[in-house]
Amino acid sequence: MKKKIFLICSLNLFIFNVASSQNTLLEILNIVAEGLNSNNNTYNAPVPTLKDLGTVKLDVNSTSNEFWSGGKSRNYCAVPVPEGTTKWFYRATVLPIESNYSYASNETLYYLLSNNKKVDLYAPSPYGVNIKFFNHSGEIESFYQGLSTYKSYQQLNKTNTRTTLGTIDFYLPKFWIGVQNQNQTEGLKVIVEVVALGNFNN
């Protein structure tokens, strides 16, 4: 009976996670479409454009690997948010650590947003990660070193997510995305893509 209840709960969580992510993608596409069409006014305001801020792959070891072999269950990347950004978007995809997968050129977040495309989200790993957002180098370093005293943006953080999309609707010149694996046995890889919307000089 317990196994049946667990299976039903797991299935419900999976459906909720995928459905929520698809809704988020639709919301993001609407935001981008509104931003790119905002030049339809009589004031000749600058036309917002999309800018690809890059893609990185972050390996995060299992917690047992960290304890016994000196691996790292936490990793991070800097987000080079350019001046003129009004919103920026990210997608984080969780894979097995041994995976060499990369999105095809017509499946990247930048391509999808630039072409207002809708696609199914790719979530091949049954395991999730915690994703946290920081705007101070000291805080991200504390997070990376495994300390519990770091401060992050609680309202932006994601817990145990397999694939997620999100929108950050404010500009800060320095930003970091941290990834944490809490699985005891499975190492994971996370593809992080970031795209900005705004008025850029170059």
N, C-alpha and C. Protein backbone atom coordinates (compact mmCIF):
# COMPACT_ATOMS: atom_id res chain seq x y z
N MET A 1 0.83 -1.20 0.00
CA MET A 1 0.00 0.00 0.00
C MET A 1 0.87 1.25 0.00
N LYS A 2 1.93 1.22 0.82
CA LYS A 2 2.83 2.38 0.88
C LYS A 2 3.49 2.62 -0.46
N LYS A 3 3.86 1.49 -1.15
CA LYS A 3 4.52 1.64 -2.45
C LYS A 3 3.57 2.27 -3.46
N LYS A 4 2.25 1.86 -3.41
CA LYS A 4 1.28 2.44 -4.33
C LYS A 4 1.10 3.93 -4.08
N ILE A 5 1.01 4.31 -2.81
CA ILE A 5 0.86 5.72 -2.47
C ILE A 5 2.06 6.53 -2.93
N PHE A 6 3.27 5.96 -2.73
CA PHE A 6 4.50 6.65 -3.14
C PHE A 6 4.53 6.84 -4.65
N LEU A 7 4.10 5.77 -5.40
CA LEU A 7 4.11 5.85 -6.86
C LEU A 7 3.15 6.91 -7.35
N ILE A 8 1.95 6.96 -6.75
CA ILE A 8 0.96 7.96 -7.15
C ILE A 8 1.47 9.37 -6.87
N CYS A 9 2.05 9.57 -5.69
CA CYS A 9 2.60 10.89 -5.32
C CYS A 9 3.71 11.30 -6.27
N SER A 10 4.60 10.34 -6.61
CA SER A 10 5.72 10.65 -7.51
C SER A 10 5.19 11.04 -8.87
N LEU A 11 4.16 10.31 -9.38
CA LEU A 11 3.60 10.63 -10.68
C LEU A 11 2.96 12.00 -10.68
N ASN A 12 2.24 12.31 -9.61
CA ASN A 12 1.61 13.64 -9.51
C ASN A 12 2.64 14.74 -9.49
N LEU A 13 3.74 14.54 -8.77
CA LEU A 13 4.81 15.55 -8.72
C LEU A 13 5.44 15.73 -10.09
N PHE A 14 5.63 14.60 -10.83
CA PHE A 14 6.23 14.69 -12.15
C PHE A 14 5.35 15.51 -13.09
N ILE A 15 4.03 15.18 -13.08
CA ILE A 15 3.10 15.90 -13.96
C ILE A 15 3.06 17.38 -13.60
N PHE A 16 3.04 17.69 -12.30
CA PHE A 16 2.99 19.08 -11.87
C PHE A 16 4.23 19.82 -12.30
N ASN A 17 5.41 19.18 -12.19
CA ASN A 17 6.67 19.81 -12.53
C ASN A 17 6.72 20.15 -14.01
N VAL A 18 6.35 19.19 -14.87
CA VAL A 18 6.39 19.42 -16.31
C VAL A 18 5.36 20.45 -16.72
N ALA A 19 4.15 20.34 -16.19
CA ALA A 19 3.09 21.29 -16.55
C ALA A 19 3.45 22.69 -16.12
N SER A 20 4.02 22.84 -14.92
CA SER A 20 4.41 24.16 -14.44
C SER A 20 5.48 24.75 -15.32
N SER A 21 6.44 23.93 -15.75
CA SER A 21 7.53 24.42 -16.60
C SER A 21 7.00 24.86 -17.95
N GLN A 22 6.02 24.10 -18.51
CA GLN A 22 5.46 24.48 -19.81
C GLN A 22 4.71 25.80 -19.69
N ASN A 23 3.97 25.98 -18.60
CA ASN A 23 3.28 27.24 -18.40
C ASN A 23 4.28 28.38 -18.30
N THR A 24 5.41 28.11 -17.62
CA THR A 24 6.44 29.14 -17.49
C THR A 24 6.99 29.51 -18.86
N LEU A 25 7.20 28.51 -19.72
CA LEU A 25 7.72 28.79 -21.06
C LEU A 25 6.75 29.66 -21.84
N LEU A 26 5.46 29.36 -21.75
CA LEU A 26 4.48 30.18 -22.45
C LEU A 26 4.49 31.61 -21.92
N GLU A 27 4.61 31.75 -20.61
CA GLU A 27 4.67 33.10 -20.02
C GLU A 27 5.90 33.84 -20.52
N ILE A 28 7.03 33.14 -20.58
CA ILE A 28 8.26 33.77 -21.06
C ILE A 28 8.13 34.18 -22.52
N LEU A 29 7.57 33.31 -23.34
CA LEU A 29 7.39 33.65 -24.75
C LEU A 29 6.49 34.87 -24.92
N ASN A 30 5.46 34.97 -24.09
CA ASN A 30 4.58 36.14 -24.14
C ASN A 30 5.32 37.41 -23.73
N ILE A 31 6.16 37.29 -22.70
CA ILE A 31 6.95 38.44 -22.25
C ILE A 31 7.88 38.92 -23.36
N VAL A 32 8.55 37.95 -24.01
CA VAL A 32 9.47 38.31 -25.08
C VAL A 32 8.73 38.95 -26.24
N ALA A 33 7.59 38.36 -26.63
CA ALA A 33 6.81 38.90 -27.74
C ALA A 33 6.37 40.33 -27.44
N GLU A 34 5.91 40.57 -26.21
CA GLU A 34 5.49 41.92 -25.83
C GLU A 34 6.66 42.89 -25.86
N GLY A 35 7.82 42.41 -25.38
CA GLY A 35 8.99 43.27 -25.37
C GLY A 35 9.48 43.63 -26.76
N LEU A 36 9.51 42.63 -27.65
CA LEU A 36 9.99 42.86 -29.01
C LEU A 36 9.00 43.68 -29.84
N ASN A 37 7.74 43.67 -29.45
CA ASN A 37 6.73 44.44 -30.18
C ASN A 37 6.45 45.79 -29.54
N SER A 38 7.21 46.14 -28.51
CA SER A 38 6.92 47.37 -27.78
C SER A 38 7.30 48.62 -28.55
N ASN A 39 7.87 48.45 -29.76
CA ASN A 39 8.23 49.62 -30.56
C ASN A 39 7.03 50.17 -31.33
N ASN A 40 5.85 49.52 -31.15
CA ASN A 40 4.67 50.01 -31.84
C ASN A 40 4.07 51.20 -31.08
N ASN A 41 4.80 52.30 -31.06
CA ASN A 41 4.31 53.51 -30.39
C ASN A 41 4.73 54.72 -31.21
N THR A 42 4.27 55.85 -30.82
CA THR A 42 4.53 57.07 -31.60
C THR A 42 5.74 57.83 -31.08
N TYR A 43 6.46 57.27 -30.13
CA TYR A 43 7.58 57.99 -29.53
C TYR A 43 8.93 57.50 -30.02
N ASN A 44 8.94 56.54 -30.95
CA ASN A 44 10.19 56.01 -31.48
C ASN A 44 11.13 55.55 -30.37
N ALA A 45 10.60 54.86 -29.40
CA ALA A 45 11.41 54.34 -28.31
C ALA A 45 12.35 53.26 -28.85
N PRO A 46 13.50 53.06 -28.21
CA PRO A 46 14.42 52.00 -28.65
C PRO A 46 13.73 50.64 -28.66
N VAL A 47 14.05 49.84 -29.66
CA VAL A 47 13.44 48.52 -29.80
C VAL A 47 14.22 47.51 -28.96
N PRO A 48 13.57 46.84 -28.01
CA PRO A 48 14.28 45.82 -27.22
C PRO A 48 14.74 44.67 -28.11
N THR A 49 15.87 44.10 -27.77
CA THR A 49 16.40 42.95 -28.49
C THR A 49 16.79 41.86 -27.50
N LEU A 50 16.98 40.66 -28.02
CA LEU A 50 17.44 39.54 -27.21
C LEU A 50 18.95 39.39 -27.37
N LYS A 51 19.61 39.02 -26.30
CA LYS A 51 21.05 38.81 -26.33
C LYS A 51 21.38 37.50 -25.63
N ASP A 52 22.09 36.63 -26.33
CA ASP A 52 22.50 35.34 -25.76
C ASP A 52 23.67 35.57 -24.81
N LEU A 53 23.48 35.25 -23.54
CA LEU A 53 24.53 35.46 -22.53
C LEU A 53 25.38 34.22 -22.30
N GLY A 54 25.08 33.16 -23.04
CA GLY A 54 25.94 31.99 -22.98
C GLY A 54 25.30 30.76 -22.36
N THR A 55 26.00 29.64 -22.54
CA THR A 55 25.59 28.35 -22.00
C THR A 55 26.78 27.71 -21.31
N VAL A 56 26.56 27.18 -20.11
CA VAL A 56 27.62 26.47 -19.38
C VAL A 56 27.09 25.13 -18.90
N LYS A 57 28.02 24.20 -18.68
CA LYS A 57 27.68 22.90 -18.10
C LYS A 57 28.38 22.78 -16.75
N LEU A 58 27.60 22.50 -15.72
CA LEU A 58 28.11 22.43 -14.36
C LEU A 58 27.99 20.99 -13.84
N ASP A 59 29.11 20.40 -13.45
CA ASP A 59 29.10 19.08 -12.83
C ASP A 59 28.95 19.23 -11.32
N VAL A 60 28.08 18.41 -10.73
CA VAL A 60 27.93 18.39 -9.28
C VAL A 60 27.97 16.92 -8.82
N ASN A 61 28.94 16.61 -7.99
CA ASN A 61 29.11 15.25 -7.50
C ASN A 61 28.04 14.88 -6.48
N SER A 62 27.91 13.59 -6.21
CA SER A 62 27.02 13.14 -5.15
C SER A 62 27.59 13.55 -3.80
N THR A 63 26.75 13.56 -2.79
CA THR A 63 27.22 13.94 -1.45
C THR A 63 28.19 12.91 -0.89
N SER A 64 28.03 11.63 -1.26
CA SER A 64 28.98 10.61 -0.78
C SER A 64 30.33 10.79 -1.44
N ASN A 65 30.34 11.16 -2.72
CA ASN A 65 31.59 11.44 -3.41
C ASN A 65 32.29 12.63 -2.76
N GLU A 66 31.52 13.63 -2.41
CA GLU A 66 32.09 14.81 -1.74
C GLU A 66 32.72 14.43 -0.41
N PHE A 67 32.03 13.58 0.34
CA PHE A 67 32.50 13.20 1.68
C PHE A 67 33.73 12.29 1.63
N TRP A 68 33.70 11.30 0.73
CA TRP A 68 34.75 10.29 0.71
C TRP A 68 35.89 10.60 -0.26
N SER A 69 35.60 11.32 -1.34
CA SER A 69 36.62 11.49 -2.38
C SER A 69 36.99 12.94 -2.65
N GLY A 70 36.40 13.88 -1.93
CA GLY A 70 36.76 15.28 -2.10
C GLY A 70 36.11 15.97 -3.27
N GLY A 71 35.06 15.35 -3.84
CA GLY A 71 34.34 16.00 -4.92
C GLY A 71 33.53 17.19 -4.41
N LYS A 72 32.82 17.83 -5.32
CA LYS A 72 32.00 18.98 -4.95
C LYS A 72 30.54 18.73 -5.34
N SER A 73 29.66 18.82 -4.35
CA SER A 73 28.23 18.67 -4.63
C SER A 73 27.58 20.01 -4.98
N ARG A 74 28.39 21.07 -4.99
CA ARG A 74 27.90 22.41 -5.34
C ARG A 74 28.80 23.01 -6.42
N ASN A 75 28.19 23.76 -7.31
CA ASN A 75 28.94 24.43 -8.36
C ASN A 75 28.19 25.71 -8.72
N TYR A 76 28.80 26.57 -9.54
CA TYR A 76 28.13 27.82 -9.89
C TYR A 76 28.71 28.40 -11.16
N CYS A 77 27.99 29.38 -11.70
CA CYS A 77 28.47 30.13 -12.86
C CYS A 77 28.09 31.58 -12.69
N ALA A 78 28.92 32.46 -13.23
CA ALA A 78 28.62 33.89 -13.24
C ALA A 78 27.68 34.20 -14.40
N VAL A 79 26.77 35.14 -14.19
CA VAL A 79 25.86 35.58 -15.25
C VAL A 79 26.25 37.00 -15.65
N PRO A 80 26.78 37.17 -16.86
CA PRO A 80 27.24 38.50 -17.29
C PRO A 80 26.09 39.36 -17.79
N VAL A 81 25.26 39.83 -16.88
CA VAL A 81 24.08 40.61 -17.28
C VAL A 81 24.53 41.97 -17.82
N PRO A 82 24.26 42.28 -19.08
CA PRO A 82 24.75 43.53 -19.66
C PRO A 82 23.89 44.73 -19.26
N GLU A 83 24.52 45.90 -19.29
CA GLU A 83 23.77 47.13 -19.02
C GLU A 83 22.70 47.31 -20.09
N GLY A 84 21.54 47.75 -19.69
CA GLY A 84 20.42 47.90 -20.61
C GLY A 84 19.42 46.77 -20.51
N THR A 85 19.75 45.75 -19.71
CA THR A 85 18.85 44.60 -19.54
C THR A 85 17.60 45.02 -18.76
N THR A 86 16.44 44.63 -19.25
CA THR A 86 15.19 44.85 -18.53
C THR A 86 14.69 43.57 -17.89
N LYS A 87 14.91 42.44 -18.55
CA LYS A 87 14.59 41.12 -18.02
C LYS A 87 15.62 40.14 -18.55
N TRP A 88 15.86 39.07 -17.79
CA TRP A 88 16.65 37.99 -18.35
C TRP A 88 16.04 36.65 -17.98
N PHE A 89 16.30 35.68 -18.85
CA PHE A 89 15.65 34.38 -18.78
C PHE A 89 16.71 33.29 -18.66
N TYR A 90 16.36 32.23 -17.98
CA TYR A 90 17.31 31.13 -17.84
C TYR A 90 16.58 29.80 -17.99
N ARG A 91 17.32 28.80 -18.42
CA ARG A 91 16.83 27.42 -18.42
C ARG A 91 17.94 26.55 -17.84
N ALA A 92 17.59 25.68 -16.92
CA ALA A 92 18.53 24.74 -16.32
C ALA A 92 18.02 23.33 -16.59
N THR A 93 18.85 22.51 -17.23
CA THR A 93 18.49 21.14 -17.59
C THR A 93 19.42 20.17 -16.86
N VAL A 94 18.83 19.22 -16.13
CA VAL A 94 19.62 18.28 -15.33
C VAL A 94 19.82 16.98 -16.11
N LEU A 95 21.08 16.53 -16.15
CA LEU A 95 21.47 15.32 -16.87
C LEU A 95 22.29 14.41 -15.95
N PRO A 96 22.45 13.13 -16.30
CA PRO A 96 23.45 12.30 -15.61
C PRO A 96 24.83 12.91 -15.81
N ILE A 97 25.70 12.77 -14.84
CA ILE A 97 27.00 13.46 -14.89
C ILE A 97 27.86 12.98 -16.06
N GLU A 98 27.65 11.75 -16.51
CA GLU A 98 28.46 11.23 -17.61
C GLU A 98 27.96 11.65 -18.98
N SER A 99 26.84 12.36 -19.04
CA SER A 99 26.24 12.75 -20.31
C SER A 99 27.07 13.81 -21.04
N ASN A 100 27.14 13.67 -22.36
CA ASN A 100 27.79 14.67 -23.21
C ASN A 100 26.77 15.44 -24.05
N TYR A 101 25.51 15.36 -23.65
CA TYR A 101 24.43 15.95 -24.43
C TYR A 101 24.53 17.48 -24.48
N SER A 102 24.19 18.01 -25.65
CA SER A 102 24.02 19.45 -25.84
C SER A 102 22.78 19.67 -26.69
N TYR A 103 22.08 20.78 -26.47
CA TYR A 103 20.92 21.08 -27.30
C TYR A 103 21.34 21.34 -28.74
N ALA A 104 20.51 20.91 -29.68
CA ALA A 104 20.73 21.26 -31.08
C ALA A 104 20.53 22.77 -31.24
N SER A 105 21.07 23.31 -32.32
CA SER A 105 21.04 24.77 -32.51
C SER A 105 19.63 25.33 -32.55
N ASN A 106 18.66 24.54 -33.01
CA ASN A 106 17.28 25.00 -33.06
C ASN A 106 16.47 24.62 -31.83
N GLU A 107 17.17 24.19 -30.76
CA GLU A 107 16.52 23.83 -29.50
C GLU A 107 17.02 24.67 -28.33
N THR A 108 17.98 25.54 -28.59
CA THR A 108 18.53 26.34 -27.50
C THR A 108 17.51 27.36 -27.01
N LEU A 109 17.72 27.82 -25.79
CA LEU A 109 16.80 28.82 -25.24
C LEU A 109 16.79 30.09 -26.08
N TYR A 110 17.96 30.51 -26.54
CA TYR A 110 18.04 31.72 -27.34
C TYR A 110 17.26 31.57 -28.64
N TYR A 111 17.40 30.43 -29.30
CA TYR A 111 16.67 30.19 -30.55
C TYR A 111 15.17 30.20 -30.31
N LEU A 112 14.74 29.51 -29.25
CA LEU A 112 13.31 29.41 -28.97
C LEU A 112 12.70 30.79 -28.71
N LEU A 113 13.38 31.58 -27.90
CA LEU A 113 12.86 32.90 -27.58
C LEU A 113 12.91 33.83 -28.79
N SER A 114 13.97 33.73 -29.58
CA SER A 114 14.11 34.59 -30.76
C SER A 114 13.04 34.29 -31.80
N ASN A 115 12.59 33.04 -31.85
CA ASN A 115 11.64 32.63 -32.87
C ASN A 115 10.25 32.34 -32.31
N ASN A 116 10.07 32.69 -31.03
CA ASN A 116 8.77 32.51 -30.38
C ASN A 116 8.23 31.09 -30.55
N LYS A 117 9.13 30.12 -30.30
CA LYS A 117 8.80 28.72 -30.48
C LYS A 117 8.40 28.07 -29.15
N LYS A 118 7.53 27.08 -29.24
CA LYS A 118 7.16 26.29 -28.07
C LYS A 118 7.64 24.85 -28.28
N VAL A 119 8.34 24.31 -27.31
CA VAL A 119 8.80 22.93 -27.40
C VAL A 119 8.60 22.25 -26.05
N ASP A 120 8.60 20.91 -26.09
CA ASP A 120 8.56 20.17 -24.84
C ASP A 120 9.90 20.32 -24.13
N LEU A 121 9.85 20.32 -22.81
CA LEU A 121 11.07 20.45 -22.03
C LEU A 121 11.74 19.09 -21.88
N TYR A 122 13.08 19.10 -21.94
CA TYR A 122 13.86 17.87 -21.85
C TYR A 122 14.31 17.67 -20.41
N ALA A 123 13.87 16.56 -19.81
CA ALA A 123 14.21 16.28 -18.41
C ALA A 123 14.58 14.80 -18.29
N PRO A 124 15.78 14.42 -18.76
CA PRO A 124 16.14 13.00 -18.81
C PRO A 124 16.50 12.37 -17.47
N SER A 125 16.90 13.17 -16.52
CA SER A 125 17.33 12.62 -15.23
C SER A 125 16.15 12.51 -14.27
N PRO A 126 16.05 11.40 -13.54
CA PRO A 126 15.00 11.28 -12.52
C PRO A 126 15.33 12.04 -11.25
N TYR A 127 16.53 12.61 -11.21
CA TYR A 127 16.99 13.31 -10.00
C TYR A 127 17.02 14.82 -10.24
N GLY A 128 16.80 15.57 -9.19
CA GLY A 128 16.77 17.02 -9.29
C GLY A 128 17.91 17.69 -8.53
N VAL A 129 18.02 18.99 -8.71
CA VAL A 129 19.03 19.79 -8.01
C VAL A 129 18.35 21.02 -7.42
N ASN A 130 19.01 21.64 -6.48
CA ASN A 130 18.59 22.94 -5.97
C ASN A 130 19.31 24.02 -6.75
N ILE A 131 18.59 25.05 -7.16
CA ILE A 131 19.18 26.16 -7.90
C ILE A 131 18.99 27.43 -7.08
N LYS A 132 20.08 28.16 -6.89
CA LYS A 132 20.05 29.36 -6.05
C LYS A 132 20.68 30.53 -6.78
N PHE A 133 20.23 31.73 -6.42
CA PHE A 133 20.67 32.95 -7.11
C PHE A 133 21.35 33.90 -6.12
N PHE A 134 22.46 34.49 -6.55
CA PHE A 134 23.28 35.34 -5.68
C PHE A 134 23.69 36.61 -6.43
N ASN A 135 23.94 37.69 -5.68
CA ASN A 135 24.46 38.91 -6.29
C ASN A 135 25.70 39.44 -5.57
N HIS A 136 26.36 38.56 -4.80
CA HIS A 136 27.57 38.96 -4.09
C HIS A 136 28.58 37.81 -4.14
N SER A 137 29.83 38.15 -4.50
CA SER A 137 30.85 37.11 -4.66
C SER A 137 31.13 36.36 -3.36
N GLY A 138 31.04 37.04 -2.24
CA GLY A 138 31.27 36.38 -0.95
C GLY A 138 30.19 35.35 -0.64
N GLU A 139 28.95 35.66 -1.01
CA GLU A 139 27.85 34.74 -0.74
C GLU A 139 27.95 33.48 -1.60
N ILE A 140 28.31 33.65 -2.88
CA ILE A 140 28.44 32.48 -3.74
C ILE A 140 29.63 31.63 -3.31
N GLU A 141 30.68 32.26 -2.81
CA GLU A 141 31.84 31.51 -2.32
C GLU A 141 31.47 30.71 -1.07
N SER A 142 30.68 31.30 -0.19
CA SER A 142 30.22 30.58 1.00
C SER A 142 29.36 29.39 0.61
N PHE A 143 28.49 29.60 -0.35
CA PHE A 143 27.66 28.50 -0.86
C PHE A 143 28.53 27.39 -1.43
N TYR A 144 29.52 27.75 -2.27
CA TYR A 144 30.37 26.77 -2.93
C TYR A 144 31.19 25.97 -1.92
N GLN A 145 31.61 26.61 -0.86
CA GLN A 145 32.41 25.94 0.16
C GLN A 145 31.57 25.11 1.13
N GLY A 146 30.26 25.10 0.95
CA GLY A 146 29.41 24.25 1.76
C GLY A 146 28.97 24.86 3.07
N LEU A 147 29.16 26.17 3.23
CA LEU A 147 28.73 26.84 4.46
C LEU A 147 27.21 27.04 4.43
N SER A 148 26.63 27.21 5.59
CA SER A 148 25.18 27.39 5.68
C SER A 148 24.80 28.84 5.96
N THR A 149 25.79 29.72 6.00
CA THR A 149 25.54 31.11 6.37
C THR A 149 25.33 32.03 5.18
N TYR A 150 25.33 31.48 3.96
CA TYR A 150 25.19 32.31 2.77
C TYR A 150 23.77 32.88 2.66
N LYS A 151 23.66 33.99 1.92
CA LYS A 151 22.36 34.60 1.65
C LYS A 151 22.11 34.57 0.15
N SER A 152 20.93 34.12 -0.23
CA SER A 152 20.55 34.06 -1.64
C SER A 152 19.14 34.63 -1.80
N TYR A 153 18.70 34.73 -3.06
CA TYR A 153 17.36 35.25 -3.33
C TYR A 153 16.34 34.14 -3.13
N GLN A 154 15.74 34.09 -1.95
CA GLN A 154 14.82 33.01 -1.63
C GLN A 154 13.64 32.94 -2.59
N GLN A 155 13.17 34.09 -3.06
CA GLN A 155 12.00 34.10 -3.94
C GLN A 155 12.31 33.57 -5.33
N LEU A 156 13.60 33.47 -5.68
CA LEU A 156 13.99 32.98 -7.00
C LEU A 156 14.46 31.53 -6.97
N ASN A 157 14.87 31.04 -5.82
CA ASN A 157 15.47 29.72 -5.71
C ASN A 157 14.48 28.61 -6.10
N LYS A 158 15.05 27.52 -6.63
CA LYS A 158 14.27 26.34 -6.99
C LYS A 158 14.79 25.14 -6.20
N THR A 159 13.88 24.28 -5.76
CA THR A 159 14.25 23.12 -4.95
C THR A 159 13.94 21.82 -5.69
N ASN A 160 14.94 20.96 -5.77
CA ASN A 160 14.79 19.62 -6.35
C ASN A 160 14.12 19.66 -7.72
N THR A 161 14.65 20.48 -8.61
CA THR A 161 14.08 20.63 -9.94
C THR A 161 14.91 19.85 -10.97
N ARG A 162 14.22 19.24 -11.94
CA ARG A 162 14.89 18.46 -12.98
C ARG A 162 15.16 19.30 -14.23
N THR A 163 14.21 20.08 -14.63
CA THR A 163 14.38 21.07 -15.70
C THR A 163 13.50 22.25 -15.35
N THR A 164 14.06 23.45 -15.42
CA THR A 164 13.28 24.61 -15.02
C THR A 164 13.58 25.79 -15.91
N LEU A 165 12.58 26.64 -16.07
CA LEU A 165 12.71 27.90 -16.79
C LEU A 165 12.29 29.01 -15.86
N GLY A 166 12.91 30.18 -16.03
CA GLY A 166 12.53 31.28 -15.17
C GLY A 166 12.84 32.63 -15.77
N THR A 167 12.25 33.66 -15.17
CA THR A 167 12.44 35.04 -15.58
C THR A 167 12.91 35.86 -14.40
N ILE A 168 13.94 36.67 -14.60
CA ILE A 168 14.40 37.62 -13.59
C ILE A 168 14.06 39.00 -14.14
N ASP A 169 13.20 39.73 -13.42
CA ASP A 169 12.69 40.99 -13.98
C ASP A 169 13.33 42.22 -13.37
N PHE A 170 14.60 42.10 -12.98
CA PHE A 170 15.34 43.28 -12.53
C PHE A 170 16.80 43.13 -12.95
N TYR A 171 17.49 44.26 -13.01
CA TYR A 171 18.87 44.28 -13.48
C TYR A 171 19.84 44.51 -12.33
N LEU A 172 20.84 43.65 -12.27
CA LEU A 172 22.00 43.84 -11.41
C LEU A 172 23.22 43.46 -12.23
N PRO A 173 24.29 44.24 -12.18
CA PRO A 173 25.45 43.95 -13.04
C PRO A 173 26.19 42.67 -12.66
N LYS A 174 26.04 42.23 -11.41
CA LYS A 174 26.73 41.01 -10.97
C LYS A 174 25.70 40.01 -10.45
N PHE A 175 25.75 38.81 -11.04
CA PHE A 175 24.80 37.78 -10.63
C PHE A 175 25.47 36.42 -10.80
N TRP A 176 25.11 35.50 -9.92
CA TRP A 176 25.62 34.14 -9.99
C TRP A 176 24.46 33.16 -9.82
N ILE A 177 24.56 32.03 -10.52
CA ILE A 177 23.61 30.93 -10.35
C ILE A 177 24.36 29.77 -9.71
N GLY A 178 23.88 29.31 -8.58
CA GLY A 178 24.49 28.18 -7.88
C GLY A 178 23.63 26.93 -8.03
N VAL A 179 24.31 25.78 -8.12
CA VAL A 179 23.62 24.49 -8.28
C VAL A 179 24.09 23.55 -7.17
N GLN A 180 23.14 22.88 -6.53
CA GLN A 180 23.45 21.98 -5.42
C GLN A 180 22.81 20.61 -5.65
N ASN A 181 23.62 19.57 -5.56
CA ASN A 181 23.15 18.19 -5.68
C ASN A 181 23.09 17.58 -4.28
N GLN A 182 21.92 17.14 -3.86
CA GLN A 182 21.76 16.54 -2.55
C GLN A 182 21.61 15.02 -2.61
N ASN A 183 21.79 14.45 -3.81
CA ASN A 183 21.69 13.01 -3.96
C ASN A 183 22.93 12.33 -3.39
N GLN A 184 22.74 11.27 -2.66
CA GLN A 184 23.86 10.59 -1.99
C GLN A 184 24.70 9.75 -2.93
N THR A 185 24.13 9.29 -4.04
CA THR A 185 24.84 8.33 -4.89
C THR A 185 25.04 8.77 -6.34
N GLU A 186 24.21 9.69 -6.84
CA GLU A 186 24.23 10.03 -8.26
C GLU A 186 24.83 11.42 -8.50
N GLY A 187 25.91 11.46 -9.29
CA GLY A 187 26.43 12.73 -9.74
C GLY A 187 25.58 13.26 -10.88
N LEU A 188 25.50 14.58 -11.02
CA LEU A 188 24.64 15.18 -12.03
C LEU A 188 25.37 16.28 -12.80
N LYS A 189 24.86 16.56 -13.98
CA LYS A 189 25.37 17.65 -14.82
C LYS A 189 24.20 18.58 -15.11
N VAL A 190 24.44 19.88 -15.08
CA VAL A 190 23.37 20.84 -15.31
C VAL A 190 23.78 21.79 -16.44
N ILE A 191 22.95 21.84 -17.49
CA ILE A 191 23.14 22.81 -18.56
C ILE A 191 22.40 24.08 -18.17
N VAL A 192 23.12 25.20 -18.09
CA VAL A 192 22.52 26.48 -17.74
C VAL A 192 22.63 27.42 -18.94
N GLU A 193 21.48 27.90 -19.42
CA GLU A 193 21.43 28.86 -20.53
C GLU A 193 20.82 30.16 -20.01
N VAL A 194 21.34 31.28 -20.48
CA VAL A 194 20.84 32.58 -20.06
C VAL A 194 20.69 33.50 -21.27
N VAL A 195 19.54 34.19 -21.34
CA VAL A 195 19.26 35.13 -22.43
C VAL A 195 18.71 36.42 -21.82
N ALA A 196 19.18 37.55 -22.31
CA ALA A 196 18.72 38.85 -21.79
C ALA A 196 17.83 39.55 -22.80
N LEU A 197 16.89 40.34 -22.29
CA LEU A 197 16.03 41.19 -23.12
C LEU A 197 16.25 42.63 -22.69
N GLY A 198 16.52 43.50 -23.65
CA GLY A 198 16.74 44.90 -23.28
C GLY A 198 17.21 45.73 -24.45
N ASN A 199 17.76 46.88 -24.13
CA ASN A 199 18.32 47.80 -25.13
C ASN A 199 19.82 47.87 -24.90
N PHE A 200 20.57 47.27 -25.83
CA PHE A 200 22.01 47.12 -25.67
C PHE A 200 22.75 47.97 -26.69
N ASN A 201 23.92 48.44 -26.28
CA ASN A 201 24.75 49.25 -27.17
C ASN A 201 25.44 48.42 -28.24
N ASN A 202 25.72 47.14 -27.90
CA ASN A 202 26.34 46.26 -28.89
C ASN A 202 25.92 44.83 -28.67
